[in-house]
Structures are given as structure tokens and as C-alpha cells.
Amino acid sequence: MNPKRILLADDHALAREAMREIILTDDSFAIAGEAVNGYEAVRMAEERLPDMILMDISMPDMDGLEATKQIKERFPHIKIIMVTVSDDITHLFEAIKRGAQGYLLKNLHPASWHEYLRAVAFDEAPMSRELAVRLLKEFSSVQTTAQETSPLTSREKEILTCVARGKSNKEISNDLFISEHTVKNHLKNILQKLHLNNRVQLTRYAYEKGWIRVNKAGYEKR
């Protein structure tokens, strides 16, 4: 299997060096290039078409949030992970809404980086419960659609509901008494059937179809 090509976008040289060293210790990944601001990240995404981008939130000229928005609008298949020193839920929430697949804290152990990057690469990384709840509350202002024939099977709807609750593939596997491999296959089929790209989009779809709703404690299945 060819290594996943990762573009680094951070205005601090030491931060890029640290990320580069972490990434290159795992043969599953390769460096596709390095950008020092959002404008460069957008340009290099177009020129090099990386599989993934590690995007710093705070950069000069164009920040990571705007760069993420522009890249995802043009290249939705590129997976973007925000890299930050703080787990400020406000910034991370905005990044997720603009298309990012998740986030990494710069002080995490390298092994955690590798594990998370592999999970994102294969669409296995869950959202945190807090992010999932905030997304559903954000979507609560969206008018749900009328009942219509769904292309999903009952099992796929169950898995989609679990995804919207921020559950990992392993947790879904345990809840539904099926293998993780089966969960992955179902998720791949769901994304293809609905023409969606990631778990955030699946969460919104589940809410708009009325399969889950938000309450004061978080969310519940309808």
C-alpha cells in the first residue's frame, strides 16, 4: 500500500519540523510539502493533491479555518486535521463545520498521532461527544425533511445513528455485536449511497432525516 501523502501547514518552522519527525517515523505516511500560511496551503493543495493536510488554526495572511473552507470546497476528498496547542472547542467546532475531519493537540505523544492519522485516513476517527452534541445543536435550527424512501437498510441506519453520537468503530461494533470490519464496510457503503464524505456530514444527514434529536442532556434517538 502506498503511503498517505501529508501536507504540513504551520507558520512556525519548529512546529513543522516536529510534525515532520513524527510523521516520518511511520512508513504509512510521507510528506507532500510544507506551507507557512493559509494561502500557501490552498495553492499547494491544488498543486500536489495530498491525501491529508495537518493544518494549524492560527496562521498569518490566511488562517487555517479559511484555508480549510477553501480547500474542502474545491477538493472534498482531501482530509484535513487541525493541529493546535489548545483544545478550544469554539475554534475546533468552526473547523469541523468547515469540513475538517478532526484535530490533534501538539503535545500528544507521537504514538497517538500515528494512531489518529491512520484512523482518519481510513475514515475511522470518531468525533468527541462534545463536538457531536454541539453539531447537533447547531443543526437543530435546520428544518428536517419530510419522510421519504431511504436508500439505507435498517442496519445502516443504526450505524449512522451511532456515528452521529460520536461513537468509534469499536464502540459501534460492541453495541451492535458485529465485527469492526463489518462496521467499516457498512460505513463505506453508507457514504457511497448518500454521496457524503465524512462523519460530520453523516451527522447532519441523520439529524435532517429526523433519526436523532437534541435535548438538554445531549441527544437521543427518535
Protein backbone atom coordinates (compact mmCIF):
# COMPACT_ATOMS: atom_id res chain seq x y z
CA MET A 1 0.00 0.00 0.00
CA ASN A 2 1.35 3.43 -0.95
CA PRO A 3 1.98 5.79 1.98
CA LYS A 4 -0.57 8.53 2.64
CA ARG A 5 0.87 11.87 1.50
CA ILE A 6 0.54 14.63 4.11
CA LEU A 7 0.88 18.37 3.58
CA LEU A 8 2.04 20.35 6.63
CA ALA A 9 0.64 23.88 7.11
CA ASP A 10 2.09 25.85 10.02
CA ASP A 11 3.85 29.22 10.18
CA HIS A 12 6.35 28.05 12.80
CA ALA A 13 9.39 26.22 11.44
CA LEU A 14 9.95 24.30 14.70
CA ALA A 15 6.36 23.09 14.68
CA ARG A 16 6.70 21.82 11.09
CA GLU A 17 9.98 20.13 11.97
CA ALA A 18 8.38 18.38 14.95
CA MET A 19 5.42 17.20 12.85
CA ARG A 20 7.75 16.05 10.08
CA GLU A 21 9.82 13.98 12.50
CA ILE A 22 6.73 12.34 13.96
CA ILE A 23 5.24 11.52 10.57
CA LEU A 24 8.43 10.12 9.05
CA THR A 25 8.81 7.54 11.83
CA ASP A 26 5.80 5.71 10.36
CA ASP A 27 6.13 4.19 6.88
CA SER A 28 2.38 4.60 6.38
CA PHE A 29 2.91 8.32 5.72
CA ALA A 30 5.03 10.61 3.56
CA ILE A 31 5.48 14.39 3.40
CA ALA A 32 3.82 16.01 0.38
CA GLY A 33 5.06 19.52 1.15
CA GLU A 34 5.12 22.31 3.71
CA ALA A 35 3.15 25.59 3.75
CA VAL A 36 3.77 28.57 6.02
CA ASN A 37 0.32 30.19 5.75
CA GLY A 38 -3.20 29.54 4.53
CA TYR A 39 -2.59 30.91 1.03
CA GLU A 40 0.31 28.51 0.52
CA ALA A 41 -1.77 25.64 1.91
CA VAL A 42 -4.52 26.30 -0.65
CA ARG A 43 -2.02 26.62 -3.50
CA MET A 44 -0.08 23.50 -2.56
CA ALA A 45 -3.26 21.50 -2.05
CA GLU A 46 -4.14 22.26 -5.68
CA GLU A 47 -0.63 21.57 -6.99
CA ARG A 48 0.17 18.42 -5.03
CA LEU A 49 -3.24 16.95 -4.16
CA PRO A 50 -2.16 15.39 -0.84
CA ASP A 51 -4.24 12.72 0.86
CA MET A 52 -4.25 14.68 4.11
CA ILE A 53 -3.33 18.10 5.49
CA LEU A 54 -2.19 18.92 9.02
CA MET A 55 -3.47 22.49 9.36
CA ASP A 56 -2.54 24.96 12.09
CA ILE A 57 -5.51 27.10 13.11
CA SER A 58 -3.63 30.38 13.67
CA MET A 59 -1.52 31.47 10.68
CA PRO A 60 -0.77 34.87 9.11
CA ASP A 61 -2.34 36.19 5.89
CA MET A 62 -4.99 33.45 5.82
CA ASP A 63 -5.78 31.36 8.91
CA GLY A 64 -6.35 27.63 8.96
CA LEU A 65 -10.13 27.96 9.19
CA GLU A 66 -10.45 29.90 5.92
CA ALA A 67 -7.86 27.69 4.21
CA THR A 68 -9.80 24.62 5.28
CA LYS A 69 -13.03 26.05 3.88
CA GLN A 70 -11.48 26.86 0.50
CA ILE A 71 -9.69 23.54 0.15
CA LYS A 72 -12.73 21.44 1.11
CA GLU A 73 -14.93 23.35 -1.34
CA ARG A 74 -12.58 22.50 -4.20
CA PHE A 75 -11.10 19.18 -3.07
CA PRO A 76 -13.58 17.46 -0.71
CA HIS A 77 -11.63 14.19 -0.82
CA ILE A 78 -8.61 15.76 0.93
CA LYS A 79 -8.78 15.02 4.65
CA ILE A 80 -7.86 17.96 6.88
CA ILE A 81 -6.82 17.66 10.52
CA MET A 82 -6.45 20.81 12.60
CA VAL A 83 -3.29 20.97 14.72
CA THR A 84 -3.44 23.18 17.79
CA VAL A 85 -1.86 23.79 21.19
CA SER A 86 -5.29 24.20 22.77
CA ASP A 87 -8.48 22.15 22.58
CA ASP A 88 -10.56 25.36 22.40
CA ILE A 89 -13.91 23.87 21.44
CA THR A 90 -15.03 27.06 19.66
CA HIS A 91 -12.23 27.05 17.10
CA LEU A 92 -12.38 23.29 16.65
CA PHE A 93 -16.13 23.42 16.19
CA GLU A 94 -15.73 26.04 13.45
CA ALA A 95 -13.07 23.92 11.75
CA ILE A 96 -15.30 20.84 11.78
CA LYS A 97 -18.19 22.84 10.31
CA ARG A 98 -15.89 23.99 7.50
CA GLY A 99 -15.04 20.42 6.59
CA ALA A 100 -12.13 19.33 8.81
CA GLN A 101 -12.13 15.66 9.81
CA GLY A 102 -10.78 16.23 13.32
CA TYR A 103 -7.94 17.70 15.33
CA LEU A 104 -4.67 16.85 17.03
CA LEU A 105 -3.09 18.53 20.04
CA LYS A 106 0.57 19.38 19.52
CA ASN A 107 1.55 17.98 22.92
CA LEU A 108 0.20 14.49 22.25
CA HIS A 109 2.59 11.53 22.28
CA PRO A 110 3.83 10.60 18.76
CA ALA A 111 2.17 7.18 19.01
CA SER A 112 -1.18 8.91 19.49
CA TRP A 113 -0.54 10.94 16.35
CA HIS A 114 0.12 7.82 14.30
CA GLU A 115 -2.96 6.08 15.65
CA TYR A 116 -5.20 9.06 14.96
CA LEU A 117 -3.79 9.74 11.49
CA ARG A 118 -4.38 6.13 10.48
CA ALA A 119 -7.93 6.33 11.83
CA VAL A 120 -8.65 9.49 9.82
CA ALA A 121 -7.01 8.05 6.70
CA PHE A 122 -9.44 5.14 6.77
CA ASP A 123 -12.49 7.11 7.97
CA GLU A 124 -12.45 5.51 11.41
CA ALA A 125 -11.83 8.52 13.66
CA PRO A 126 -14.89 9.39 15.78
CA MET A 127 -15.86 12.88 16.83
CA SER A 128 -15.68 13.65 20.50
CA ARG A 129 -19.04 13.55 22.29
CA GLU A 130 -18.82 17.29 22.96
CA LEU A 131 -18.30 18.07 19.29
CA ALA A 132 -21.10 15.72 18.26
CA VAL A 133 -23.55 17.37 20.66
CA ARG A 134 -22.56 20.87 19.52
CA LEU A 135 -23.00 19.91 15.88
CA LEU A 136 -26.45 18.51 16.55
CA LYS A 137 -27.47 21.62 18.46
CA GLU A 138 -26.21 23.73 15.56
CA PHE A 139 -28.26 21.65 13.14
CA SER A 140 -31.36 21.89 15.34
CA SER A 141 -32.23 25.13 13.56
CA VAL A 142 -32.35 23.30 10.24
CA GLN A 143 -35.80 22.22 9.11
CA THR A 144 -35.95 18.43 8.97
CA THR A 145 -37.10 16.95 5.71
CA ALA A 146 -40.32 15.08 5.21
CA GLN A 147 -40.29 11.31 5.36
CA GLU A 148 -39.01 9.79 2.15
CA THR A 149 -37.79 6.46 0.93
CA SER A 150 -34.29 5.94 2.30
CA PRO A 151 -31.53 4.12 0.39
CA LEU A 152 -30.21 2.80 3.72
CA THR A 153 -31.01 -0.53 5.28
CA SER A 154 -32.20 -0.70 8.90
CA ARG A 155 -28.72 -1.83 9.96
CA GLU A 156 -27.10 1.08 8.13
CA LYS A 157 -29.47 3.48 9.87
CA GLU A 158 -28.41 2.02 13.24
CA ILE A 159 -24.75 2.54 12.37
CA LEU A 160 -25.41 6.07 11.14
CA THR A 161 -27.13 6.93 14.42
CA CYS A 162 -24.11 5.61 16.35
CA VAL A 163 -21.77 7.71 14.20
CA ALA A 164 -23.86 10.81 14.90
CA ARG A 165 -23.45 10.16 18.62
CA GLY A 166 -19.67 10.33 18.25
CA LYS A 167 -19.02 6.61 18.68
CA SER A 168 -15.90 4.92 17.35
CA ASN A 169 -15.95 1.87 15.10
CA LYS A 170 -15.01 -0.30 18.08
CA GLU A 171 -17.87 1.09 20.18
CA ILE A 172 -20.32 0.56 17.31
CA SER A 173 -19.02 -2.99 16.94
CA ASN A 174 -19.64 -3.69 20.63
CA ASP A 175 -23.08 -2.05 20.67
CA LEU A 176 -24.37 -3.91 17.62
CA PHE A 177 -22.49 -7.20 18.18
CA ILE A 178 -20.76 -7.13 14.80
CA SER A 179 -17.08 -7.03 13.84
CA GLU A 180 -15.18 -3.78 13.28
CA HIS A 181 -14.53 -4.95 9.72
CA THR A 182 -18.29 -5.16 9.16
CA VAL A 183 -18.73 -1.66 10.63
CA LYS A 184 -16.11 -0.30 8.20
CA ASN A 185 -17.83 -1.94 5.24
CA HIS A 186 -21.21 -0.53 6.29
CA LEU A 187 -19.75 2.97 6.69
CA LYS A 188 -18.16 2.79 3.25
CA ASN A 189 -21.49 1.75 1.73
CA ILE A 190 -23.37 4.48 3.63
CA LEU A 191 -21.03 7.21 2.41
CA GLN A 192 -21.29 5.95 -1.16
CA LYS A 193 -25.08 5.68 -1.08
CA LEU A 194 -25.55 9.17 0.36
CA HIS A 195 -22.74 10.79 -1.68
CA LEU A 196 -21.17 12.15 1.52
CA ASN A 197 -17.52 12.46 2.53
CA ASN A 198 -17.17 12.21 6.30
CA ARG A 199 -18.77 11.64 9.70
CA VAL A 200 -19.73 15.28 10.19
CA GLN A 201 -21.83 15.20 7.03
CA LEU A 202 -23.35 11.90 8.17
CA THR A 203 -24.29 13.52 11.49
CA ARG A 204 -26.11 16.33 9.76
CA TYR A 205 -27.89 13.86 7.46
CA ALA A 206 -29.08 11.81 10.43
CA TYR A 207 -30.48 14.90 12.12
CA GLU A 208 -32.17 16.26 8.99
CA LYS A 209 -33.86 12.92 8.42
CA GLY A 210 -35.24 13.07 11.96
CA TRP A 211 -33.45 9.94 13.17
CA ILE A 212 -31.94 11.73 16.16
CA ARG A 213 -32.89 14.85 18.08
CA VAL A 214 -31.22 17.18 20.55
CA ASN A 215 -32.33 17.60 24.15
CA LYS A 216 -30.80 19.40 27.12
CA ALA A 217 -28.67 16.43 28.07
CA GLY A 218 -27.30 15.93 24.57
CA TYR A 219 -29.13 13.84 22.01
CA GLU A 220 -31.30 10.79 21.72
CA LYS A 221 -32.58 8.52 19.02
CA ARG A 222 -36.10 9.07 17.78
